[in-house]
């Protein structure tokens, strides 16, 4: 049976994550307040950030940047697109 949470991103009750997706306090906040749908959208956004900014996930500076963007994406003003980013046409 799925777990319903009030998603901070959508402001509505939605299906929650099955497990904590990130370590620490931020991971617990995401588990408690972010829906599966919003998490999936973050993963796509994170992939775009990694590709467009040519980040290496093993680089501590890149990991710090992605953590800050994740927190802003869910609990702040929202993550921004990299300069010059053009979304691919569907």
PDB file of N, CA and C in Angstrom:
ATOM      1  N   UNK A   1       0.844  -1.181   0.000  1.00  0.00           N
ATOM      2  CA  UNK A   1       0.000   0.000   0.000  1.00  0.00           C
ATOM      3  C   UNK A   1       0.893   1.249   0.000  1.00  0.00           C
ATOM      4  N   UNK A   2       0.544   2.202  -0.809  1.00  0.00           N
ATOM      5  CA  UNK A   2       1.371   3.399  -0.925  1.00  0.00           C
ATOM      6  C   UNK A   2       1.107   4.364   0.233  1.00  0.00           C
ATOM      7  N   UNK A   3       2.043   5.215   0.442  1.00  0.00           N
ATOM      8  CA  UNK A   3       2.022   6.179   1.530  1.00  0.00           C
ATOM      9  C   UNK A   3       1.679   7.544   0.947  1.00  0.00           C
ATOM     10  N   UNK A   4       0.680   8.205   1.497  1.00  0.00           N
ATOM     11  CA  UNK A   4       0.315   9.537   1.026  1.00  0.00           C
ATOM     12  C   UNK A   4       1.007  10.591   1.874  1.00  0.00           C
ATOM     13  N   UNK A   5       1.526  11.599   1.203  1.00  0.00           N
ATOM     14  CA  UNK A   5       2.146  12.738   1.880  1.00  0.00           C
ATOM     15  C   UNK A   5       1.588  14.006   1.240  1.00  0.00           C
ATOM     16  N   UNK A   6       1.743  15.125   1.916  1.00  0.00           N
ATOM     17  CA  UNK A   6       1.376  16.409   1.331  1.00  0.00           C
ATOM     18  C   UNK A   6       2.637  16.948   0.667  1.00  0.00           C
ATOM     19  N   UNK A   7       2.678  16.904  -0.657  1.00  0.00           N
ATOM     20  CA  UNK A   7       3.874  17.263  -1.417  1.00  0.00           C
ATOM     21  C   UNK A   7       4.121  18.772  -1.373  1.00  0.00           C
ATOM     22  N   UNK A   8       5.312  19.132  -0.923  1.00  0.00           N
ATOM     23  CA  UNK A   8       5.697  20.530  -0.838  1.00  0.00           C
ATOM     24  C   UNK A   8       5.793  21.160  -2.228  1.00  0.00           C
ATOM     25  N   UNK A   9       6.132  20.400  -3.215  1.00  0.00           N
ATOM     26  CA  UNK A   9       6.290  20.922  -4.586  1.00  0.00           C
ATOM     27  C   UNK A   9       4.941  21.206  -5.241  1.00  0.00           C
ATOM     28  N   UNK A  10       3.952  20.344  -4.991  1.00  0.00           N
ATOM     29  CA  UNK A  10       2.650  20.475  -5.650  1.00  0.00           C
ATOM     30  C   UNK A  10       1.549  20.986  -4.741  1.00  0.00           C
ATOM     31  N   UNK A  11       1.791  21.029  -3.436  1.00  0.00           N
ATOM     32  CA  UNK A  11       0.787  21.526  -2.510  1.00  0.00           C
ATOM     33  C   UNK A  11      -0.450  20.653  -2.440  1.00  0.00           C
ATOM     34  N   UNK A  12      -0.288  19.372  -2.688  1.00  0.00           N
ATOM     35  CA  UNK A  12      -1.420  18.441  -2.687  1.00  0.00           C
ATOM     36  C   UNK A  12      -0.964  17.091  -2.156  1.00  0.00           C
ATOM     37  N   UNK A  13      -1.925  16.290  -1.702  1.00  0.00           N
ATOM     38  CA  UNK A  13      -1.613  14.944  -1.251  1.00  0.00           C
ATOM     39  C   UNK A  13      -1.291  14.068  -2.455  1.00  0.00           C
ATOM     40  N   UNK A  14      -0.149  13.417  -2.384  1.00  0.00           N
ATOM     41  CA  UNK A  14       0.298  12.544  -3.467  1.00  0.00           C
ATOM     42  C   UNK A  14       1.029  11.353  -2.866  1.00  0.00           C
ATOM     43  N   UNK A  15       1.349  10.386  -3.718  1.00  0.00           N
ATOM     44  CA  UNK A  15       2.058   9.192  -3.278  1.00  0.00           C
ATOM     45  C   UNK A  15       3.486   9.555  -2.884  1.00  0.00           C
ATOM     46  N   UNK A  16       3.877   9.128  -1.680  1.00  0.00           N
ATOM     47  CA  UNK A  16       5.207   9.421  -1.165  1.00  0.00           C
ATOM     48  C   UNK A  16       6.233   8.404  -1.632  1.00  0.00           C
ATOM     49  N   UNK A  17       7.462   8.685  -1.335  1.00  0.00           N
ATOM     50  CA  UNK A  17       8.570   7.795  -1.681  1.00  0.00           C
ATOM     51  C   UNK A  17       8.543   6.552  -0.800  1.00  0.00           C
ATOM     52  N   UNK A  18       9.061   5.466  -1.308  1.00  0.00           N
ATOM     53  CA  UNK A  18       9.084   4.204  -0.572  1.00  0.00           C
ATOM     54  C   UNK A  18      10.208   4.170   0.462  1.00  0.00           C
ATOM     55  N   UNK A  19      11.269   4.950   0.231  1.00  0.00           N
ATOM     56  CA  UNK A  19      12.391   4.973   1.171  1.00  0.00           C
ATOM     57  C   UNK A  19      13.058   6.341   1.124  1.00  0.00           C
ATOM     58  N   UNK A  20      13.878   6.610   2.107  1.00  0.00           N
ATOM     59  CA  UNK A  20      14.597   7.882   2.175  1.00  0.00           C
ATOM     60  C   UNK A  20      15.603   7.923   1.018  1.00  0.00           C
ATOM     61  N   UNK A  21      15.533   8.939   0.152  1.00  0.00           N
ATOM     62  CA  UNK A  21      16.347   8.952  -1.069  1.00  0.00           C
ATOM     63  C   UNK A  21      17.732   9.570  -0.934  1.00  0.00           C
ATOM     64  N   UNK A  22      17.998  10.196   0.211  1.00  0.00           N
ATOM     65  CA  UNK A  22      19.244  10.933   0.374  1.00  0.00           C
ATOM     66  C   UNK A  22      19.607  10.881   1.858  1.00  0.00           C
ATOM     67  N   UNK A  23      20.881  10.831   2.207  1.00  0.00           N
ATOM     68  CA  UNK A  23      21.240  10.715   3.620  1.00  0.00           C
ATOM     69  C   UNK A  23      20.972  11.993   4.419  1.00  0.00           C
ATOM     70  N   UNK A  24      20.869  11.831   5.719  1.00  0.00           N
ATOM     71  CA  UNK A  24      20.794  12.969   6.622  1.00  0.00           C
ATOM     72  C   UNK A  24      19.435  13.616   6.733  1.00  0.00           C
ATOM     73  N   UNK A  25      19.466  14.810   7.327  1.00  0.00           N
ATOM     74  CA  UNK A  25      18.254  15.572   7.578  1.00  0.00           C
ATOM     75  C   UNK A  25      17.531  15.938   6.278  1.00  0.00           C
ATOM     76  N   UNK A  26      18.279  16.316   5.254  1.00  0.00           N
ATOM     77  CA  UNK A  26      17.653  16.665   3.975  1.00  0.00           C
ATOM     78  C   UNK A  26      16.904  15.464   3.397  1.00  0.00           C
ATOM     79  N   UNK A  27      17.501  14.298   3.474  1.00  0.00           N
ATOM     80  CA  UNK A  27      16.842  13.090   2.989  1.00  0.00           C
ATOM     81  C   UNK A  27      15.547  12.808   3.725  1.00  0.00           C
ATOM     82  N   UNK A  28      15.550  13.025   5.038  1.00  0.00           N
ATOM     83  CA  UNK A  28      14.331  12.815   5.824  1.00  0.00           C
ATOM     84  C   UNK A  28      13.258  13.825   5.446  1.00  0.00           C
ATOM     85  N   UNK A  29      13.645  15.076   5.241  1.00  0.00           N
ATOM     86  CA  UNK A  29      12.676  16.107   4.812  1.00  0.00           C
ATOM     87  C   UNK A  29      12.067  15.745   3.462  1.00  0.00           C
ATOM     88  N   UNK A  30      12.905  15.275   2.546  1.00  0.00           N
ATOM     89  CA  UNK A  30      12.412  14.874   1.227  1.00  0.00           C
ATOM     90  C   UNK A  30      11.451  13.709   1.369  1.00  0.00           C
ATOM     91  N   UNK A  31      11.814  12.714   2.155  1.00  0.00           N
ATOM     92  CA  UNK A  31      10.953  11.547   2.372  1.00  0.00           C
ATOM     93  C   UNK A  31       9.599  11.964   2.946  1.00  0.00           C
ATOM     94  N   UNK A  32       9.611  12.911   3.878  1.00  0.00           N
ATOM     95  CA  UNK A  32       8.384  13.343   4.544  1.00  0.00           C
ATOM     96  C   UNK A  32       7.521  14.277   3.700  1.00  0.00           C
ATOM     97  N   UNK A  33       8.124  15.026   2.754  1.00  0.00           N
ATOM     98  CA  UNK A  33       7.394  16.117   2.103  1.00  0.00           C
ATOM     99  C   UNK A  33       7.405  16.121   0.580  1.00  0.00           C
ATOM    100  N   UNK A  34       8.099  15.175  -0.050  1.00  0.00           N
ATOM    101  CA  UNK A  34       8.214  15.193  -1.518  1.00  0.00           C
ATOM    102  C   UNK A  34       7.586  13.927  -2.099  1.00  0.00           C
ATOM    103  N   UNK A  35       6.763  14.104  -3.112  1.00  0.00           N
ATOM    104  CA  UNK A  35       6.080  12.973  -3.752  1.00  0.00           C
ATOM    105  C   UNK A  35       7.012  12.235  -4.714  1.00  0.00           C
ATOM    106  N   UNK A  36       6.591  11.028  -5.073  1.00  0.00           N
ATOM    107  CA  UNK A  36       7.337  10.258  -6.078  1.00  0.00           C
ATOM    108  C   UNK A  36       7.415  11.035  -7.382  1.00  0.00           C
ATOM    109  N   UNK A  37       6.332  11.661  -7.757  1.00  0.00           N
ATOM    110  CA  UNK A  37       6.292  12.438  -9.003  1.00  0.00           C
ATOM    111  C   UNK A  37       7.323  13.570  -8.976  1.00  0.00           C
ATOM    112  N   UNK A  38       7.345  14.331  -7.881  1.00  0.00           N
ATOM    113  CA  UNK A  38       8.283  15.447  -7.769  1.00  0.00           C
ATOM    114  C   UNK A  38       9.723  14.947  -7.718  1.00  0.00           C
ATOM    115  N   UNK A  39       9.964  13.811  -7.049  1.00  0.00           N
ATOM    116  CA  UNK A  39      11.308  13.246  -6.984  1.00  0.00           C
ATOM    117  C   UNK A  39      11.778  12.827  -8.377  1.00  0.00           C
ATOM    118  N   UNK A  40      10.901  12.211  -9.151  1.00  0.00           N
ATOM    119  CA  UNK A  40      11.252  11.829 -10.516  1.00  0.00           C
ATOM    120  C   UNK A  40      11.602  13.026 -11.375  1.00  0.00           C
ATOM    121  N   UNK A  41      10.868  14.118 -11.186  1.00  0.00           N
ATOM    122  CA  UNK A  41      11.165  15.346 -11.931  1.00  0.00           C
ATOM    123  C   UNK A  41      12.513  15.928 -11.503  1.00  0.00           C
ATOM    124  N   UNK A  42      12.815  15.823 -10.194  1.00  0.00           N
ATOM    125  CA  UNK A  42      14.129  16.281  -9.730  1.00  0.00           C
ATOM    126  C   UNK A  42      15.247  15.467 -10.365  1.00  0.00           C
ATOM    127  N   UNK A  43      15.081  14.149 -10.439  1.00  0.00           N
ATOM    128  CA  UNK A  43      16.123  13.309 -11.027  1.00  0.00           C
ATOM    129  C   UNK A  43      16.408  13.716 -12.470  1.00  0.00           C
ATOM    130  N   UNK A  44      15.369  14.040 -13.220  1.00  0.00           N
ATOM    131  CA  UNK A  44      15.562  14.507 -14.599  1.00  0.00           C
ATOM    132  C   UNK A  44      16.275  15.862 -14.607  1.00  0.00           C
ATOM    133  N   UNK A  45      15.885  16.748 -13.692  1.00  0.00           N
ATOM    134  CA  UNK A  45      16.515  18.068 -13.605  1.00  0.00           C
ATOM    135  C   UNK A  45      17.980  17.928 -13.189  1.00  0.00           C
ATOM    136  N   UNK A  46      18.240  17.050 -12.231  1.00  0.00           N
ATOM    137  CA  UNK A  46      19.604  16.818 -11.777  1.00  0.00           C
ATOM    138  C   UNK A  46      20.484  16.289 -12.921  1.00  0.00           C
ATOM    139  N   UNK A  47      19.949  15.389 -13.722  1.00  0.00           N
ATOM    140  CA  UNK A  47      20.682  14.866 -14.875  1.00  0.00           C
ATOM    141  C   UNK A  47      21.031  15.992 -15.837  1.00  0.00           C
ATOM    142  N   UNK A  48      20.069  16.885 -16.061  1.00  0.00           N
ATOM    143  CA  UNK A  48      20.318  18.030 -16.932  1.00  0.00           C
ATOM    144  C   UNK A  48      21.416  18.916 -16.345  1.00  0.00           C
ATOM    145  N   UNK A  49      21.375  19.165 -15.023  1.00  0.00           N
ATOM    146  CA  UNK A  49      22.403  19.983 -14.388  1.00  0.00           C
ATOM    147  C   UNK A  49      23.784  19.341 -14.534  1.00  0.00           C
ATOM    148  N   UNK A  50      23.862  18.033 -14.331  1.00  0.00           N
ATOM    149  CA  UNK A  50      25.134  17.318 -14.467  1.00  0.00           C
ATOM    150  C   UNK A  50      25.658  17.437 -15.891  1.00  0.00           C
ATOM    151  N   UNK A  51      24.795  17.214 -16.862  1.00  0.00           N
ATOM    152  CA  UNK A  51      25.218  17.257 -18.268  1.00  0.00           C
ATOM    153  C   UNK A  51      25.580  18.667 -18.727  1.00  0.00           C
ATOM    154  N   UNK A  52      24.714  19.623 -18.447  1.00  0.00           N
ATOM    155  CA  UNK A  52      24.931  20.988 -18.940  1.00  0.00           C
ATOM    156  C   UNK A  52      26.125  21.667 -18.265  1.00  0.00           C
ATOM    157  N   UNK A  53      26.356  21.349 -16.998  1.00  0.00           N
ATOM    158  CA  UNK A  53      27.467  21.955 -16.267  1.00  0.00           C
ATOM    159  C   UNK A  53      28.715  21.077 -16.268  1.00  0.00           C
ATOM    160  N   UNK A  54      28.625  19.939 -16.973  1.00  0.00           N
ATOM    161  CA  UNK A  54      29.739  18.989 -17.076  1.00  0.00           C
ATOM    162  C   UNK A  54      30.309  18.636 -15.696  1.00  0.00           C
ATOM    163  N   UNK A  55      29.398  18.224 -14.813  1.00  0.00           N
ATOM    164  CA  UNK A  55      29.782  17.890 -13.446  1.00  0.00           C
ATOM    165  C   UNK A  55      30.167  16.427 -13.343  1.00  0.00           C
ATOM    166  N   UNK A  56      31.066  16.157 -12.432  1.00  0.00           N
ATOM    167  CA  UNK A  56      31.433  14.783 -12.106  1.00  0.00           C
ATOM    168  C   UNK A  56      30.825  14.470 -10.744  1.00  0.00           C
ATOM    169  N   UNK A  57      29.947  13.472 -10.656  1.00  0.00           N
ATOM    170  CA  UNK A  57      29.322  13.149  -9.376  1.00  0.00           C
ATOM    171  C   UNK A  57      30.306  12.729  -8.282  1.00  0.00           C
ATOM    172  N   UNK A  58      31.546  12.414  -8.622  1.00  0.00           N
ATOM    173  CA  UNK A  58      32.531  12.059  -7.603  1.00  0.00           C
ATOM    174  C   UNK A  58      33.285  13.278  -7.066  1.00  0.00           C
ATOM    175  N   UNK A  59      33.128  14.421  -7.716  1.00  0.00           N
ATOM    176  CA  UNK A  59      33.773  15.656  -7.284  1.00  0.00           C
ATOM    177  C   UNK A  59      33.006  16.248  -6.093  1.00  0.00           C
ATOM    178  N   UNK A  60      33.676  16.482  -4.963  1.00  0.00           N
ATOM    179  CA  UNK A  60      32.984  17.036  -3.790  1.00  0.00           C
ATOM    180  C   UNK A  60      32.299  18.376  -4.060  1.00  0.00           C
ATOM    181  N   UNK A  61      32.908  19.228  -4.893  1.00  0.00           N
ATOM    182  CA  UNK A  61      32.278  20.512  -5.224  1.00  0.00           C
ATOM    183  C   UNK A  61      30.999  20.300  -6.021  1.00  0.00           C
ATOM    184  N   UNK A  62      30.994  19.349  -6.936  1.00  0.00           N
ATOM    185  CA  UNK A  62      29.803  19.045  -7.728  1.00  0.00           C
ATOM    186  C   UNK A  62      28.707  18.476  -6.838  1.00  0.00           C
ATOM    187  N   UNK A  63      29.077  17.585  -5.917  1.00  0.00           N
ATOM    188  CA  UNK A  63      28.081  17.010  -4.994  1.00  0.00           C
ATOM    189  C   UNK A  63      27.475  18.091  -4.113  1.00  0.00           C
ATOM    190  N   UNK A  64      28.303  19.011  -3.644  1.00  0.00           N
ATOM    191  CA  UNK A  64      27.814  20.117  -2.825  1.00  0.00           C
ATOM    192  C   UNK A  64      26.851  20.996  -3.627  1.00  0.00           C
ATOM    193  N   UNK A  65      27.231  21.298  -4.868  1.00  0.00           N
ATOM    194  CA  UNK A  65      26.371  22.091  -5.749  1.00  0.00           C
ATOM    195  C   UNK A  65      25.022  21.404  -5.957  1.00  0.00           C
ATOM    196  N   UNK A  66      25.046  20.104  -6.239  1.00  0.00           N
ATOM    197  CA  UNK A  66      23.802  19.371  -6.490  1.00  0.00           C
ATOM    198  C   UNK A  66      22.937  19.295  -5.233  1.00  0.00           C
ATOM    199  N   UNK A  67      23.552  19.160  -4.064  1.00  0.00           N
ATOM    200  CA  UNK A  67      22.796  19.140  -2.814  1.00  0.00           C
ATOM    201  C   UNK A  67      22.094  20.480  -2.603  1.00  0.00           C
ATOM    202  N   UNK A  68      22.821  21.571  -2.821  1.00  0.00           N
ATOM    203  CA  UNK A  68      22.232  22.903  -2.667  1.00  0.00           C
ATOM    204  C   UNK A  68      21.093  23.113  -3.666  1.00  0.00           C
ATOM    205  N   UNK A  69      21.297  22.669  -4.899  1.00  0.00           N
ATOM    206  CA  UNK A  69      20.243  22.797  -5.905  1.00  0.00           C
ATOM    207  C   UNK A  69      19.020  21.959  -5.542  1.00  0.00           C
ATOM    208  N   UNK A  70      19.245  20.758  -4.994  1.00  0.00           N
ATOM    209  CA  UNK A  70      18.138  19.893  -4.592  1.00  0.00           C
ATOM    210  C   UNK A  70      17.328  20.566  -3.477  1.00  0.00           C
ATOM    211  N   UNK A  71      18.012  21.125  -2.504  1.00  0.00           N
ATOM    212  CA  UNK A  71      17.313  21.789  -1.408  1.00  0.00           C
ATOM    213  C   UNK A  71      16.534  23.002  -1.918  1.00  0.00           C
ATOM    214  N   UNK A  72      17.132  23.773  -2.810  1.00  0.00           N
ATOM    215  CA  UNK A  72      16.450  24.929  -3.384  1.00  0.00           C
ATOM    216  C   UNK A  72      15.271  24.496  -4.251  1.00  0.00           C
ATOM    217  N   UNK A  73      15.442  23.418  -4.999  1.00  0.00           N
ATOM    218  CA  UNK A  73      14.402  22.894  -5.889  1.00  0.00           C
ATOM    219  C   UNK A  73      13.136  22.557  -5.108  1.00  0.00           C
ATOM    220  N   UNK A  74      13.310  21.900  -3.963  1.00  0.00           N
ATOM    221  CA  UNK A  74      12.152  21.470  -3.193  1.00  0.00           C
ATOM    222  C   UNK A  74      11.695  22.465  -2.135  1.00  0.00           C
ATOM    223  N   UNK A  75      12.613  23.126  -1.461  1.00  0.00           N
ATOM    224  CA  UNK A  75      12.258  23.916  -0.290  1.00  0.00           C
ATOM    225  C   UNK A  75      12.594  25.398  -0.419  1.00  0.00           C
ATOM    226  N   UNK A  76      13.058  25.805  -1.577  1.00  0.00           N
ATOM    227  CA  UNK A  76      13.404  27.206  -1.802  1.00  0.00           C
ATOM    228  C   UNK A  76      12.636  27.765  -2.982  1.00  0.00           C
ATOM    229  N   UNK A  77      13.305  28.587  -3.729  1.00  0.00           N
ATOM    230  CA  UNK A  77      12.683  29.260  -4.865  1.00  0.00           C
ATOM    231  C   UNK A  77      12.677  28.424  -6.133  1.00  0.00           C
ATOM    232  N   UNK A  78      13.291  27.260  -6.097  1.00  0.00           N
ATOM    233  CA  UNK A  78      13.361  26.406  -7.279  1.00  0.00           C
ATOM    234  C   UNK A  78      14.712  26.538  -7.945  1.00  0.00           C
ATOM    235  N   UNK A  79      15.182  25.470  -8.497  1.00  0.00           N
ATOM    236  CA  UNK A  79      16.467  25.443  -9.179  1.00  0.00           C
ATOM    237  C   UNK A  79      16.335  26.146 -10.526  1.00  0.00           C
ATOM    238  N   UNK A  80      17.402  26.785 -10.944  1.00  0.00           N
ATOM    239  CA  UNK A  80      17.363  27.500 -12.223  1.00  0.00           C
ATOM    240  C   UNK A  80      18.008  26.664 -13.317  1.00  0.00           C
ATOM    241  N   UNK A  81      17.695  27.003 -14.544  1.00  0.00           N
ATOM    242  CA  UNK A  81      18.316  26.354 -15.698  1.00  0.00           C
ATOM    243  C   UNK A  81      19.711  26.948 -15.895  1.00  0.00           C
ATOM    244  N   UNK A  82      20.664  26.159 -16.345  1.00  0.00           N
ATOM    245  CA  UNK A  82      22.000  26.692 -16.634  1.00  0.00           C
ATOM    246  C   UNK A  82      21.925  27.751 -17.737  1.00  0.00           C
ATOM    247  N   UNK A  83      22.840  28.726 -17.729  1.00  0.00           N
ATOM    248  CA  UNK A  83      22.847  29.740 -18.785  1.00  0.00           C
ATOM    249  C   UNK A  83      22.965  29.101 -20.169  1.00  0.00           C
ATOM    250  N   UNK A  84      22.151  29.553 -21.080  1.00  0.00           N
ATOM    251  CA  UNK A  84      22.199  29.064 -22.447  1.00  0.00           C
ATOM    252  C   UNK A  84      21.497  27.747 -22.678  1.00  0.00           C
ATOM    253  N   UNK A  85      20.867  27.187 -21.636  1.00  0.00           N
ATOM    254  CA  UNK A  85      20.188  25.899 -21.789  1.00  0.00           C
ATOM    255  C   UNK A  85      18.957  26.048 -22.682  1.00  0.00           C
ATOM    256  N   UNK A  86      18.843  25.162 -23.647  1.00  0.00           N
ATOM    257  CA  UNK A  86      17.667  25.108 -24.510  1.00  0.00           C
ATOM    258  C   UNK A  86      17.099  23.697 -24.387  1.00  0.00           C
ATOM    259  N   UNK A  87      15.870  23.612 -23.900  1.00  0.00           N
ATOM    260  CA  UNK A  87      15.236  22.302 -23.725  1.00  0.00           C
ATOM    261  C   UNK A  87      15.026  21.636 -25.076  1.00  0.00           C
ATOM    262  N   UNK A  88      15.255  20.322 -25.150  1.00  0.00           N
ATOM    263  CA  UNK A  88      15.007  19.624 -26.417  1.00  0.00           C
ATOM    264  C   UNK A  88      13.513  19.601 -26.735  1.00  0.00           C
ATOM    265  N   UNK A  89      13.225  19.670 -28.007  1.00  0.00           N
ATOM    266  CA  UNK A  89      11.814  19.634 -28.422  1.00  0.00           C
ATOM    267  C   UNK A  89      11.286  18.203 -28.311  1.00  0.00           C
ATOM    268  N   UNK A  90      10.059  18.115 -27.866  1.00  0.00           N
ATOM    269  CA  UNK A  90       9.450  16.788 -27.692  1.00  0.00           C
ATOM    270  C   UNK A  90       9.033  16.179 -28.998  1.00  0.00           C
TER     271      UNK A  90
END
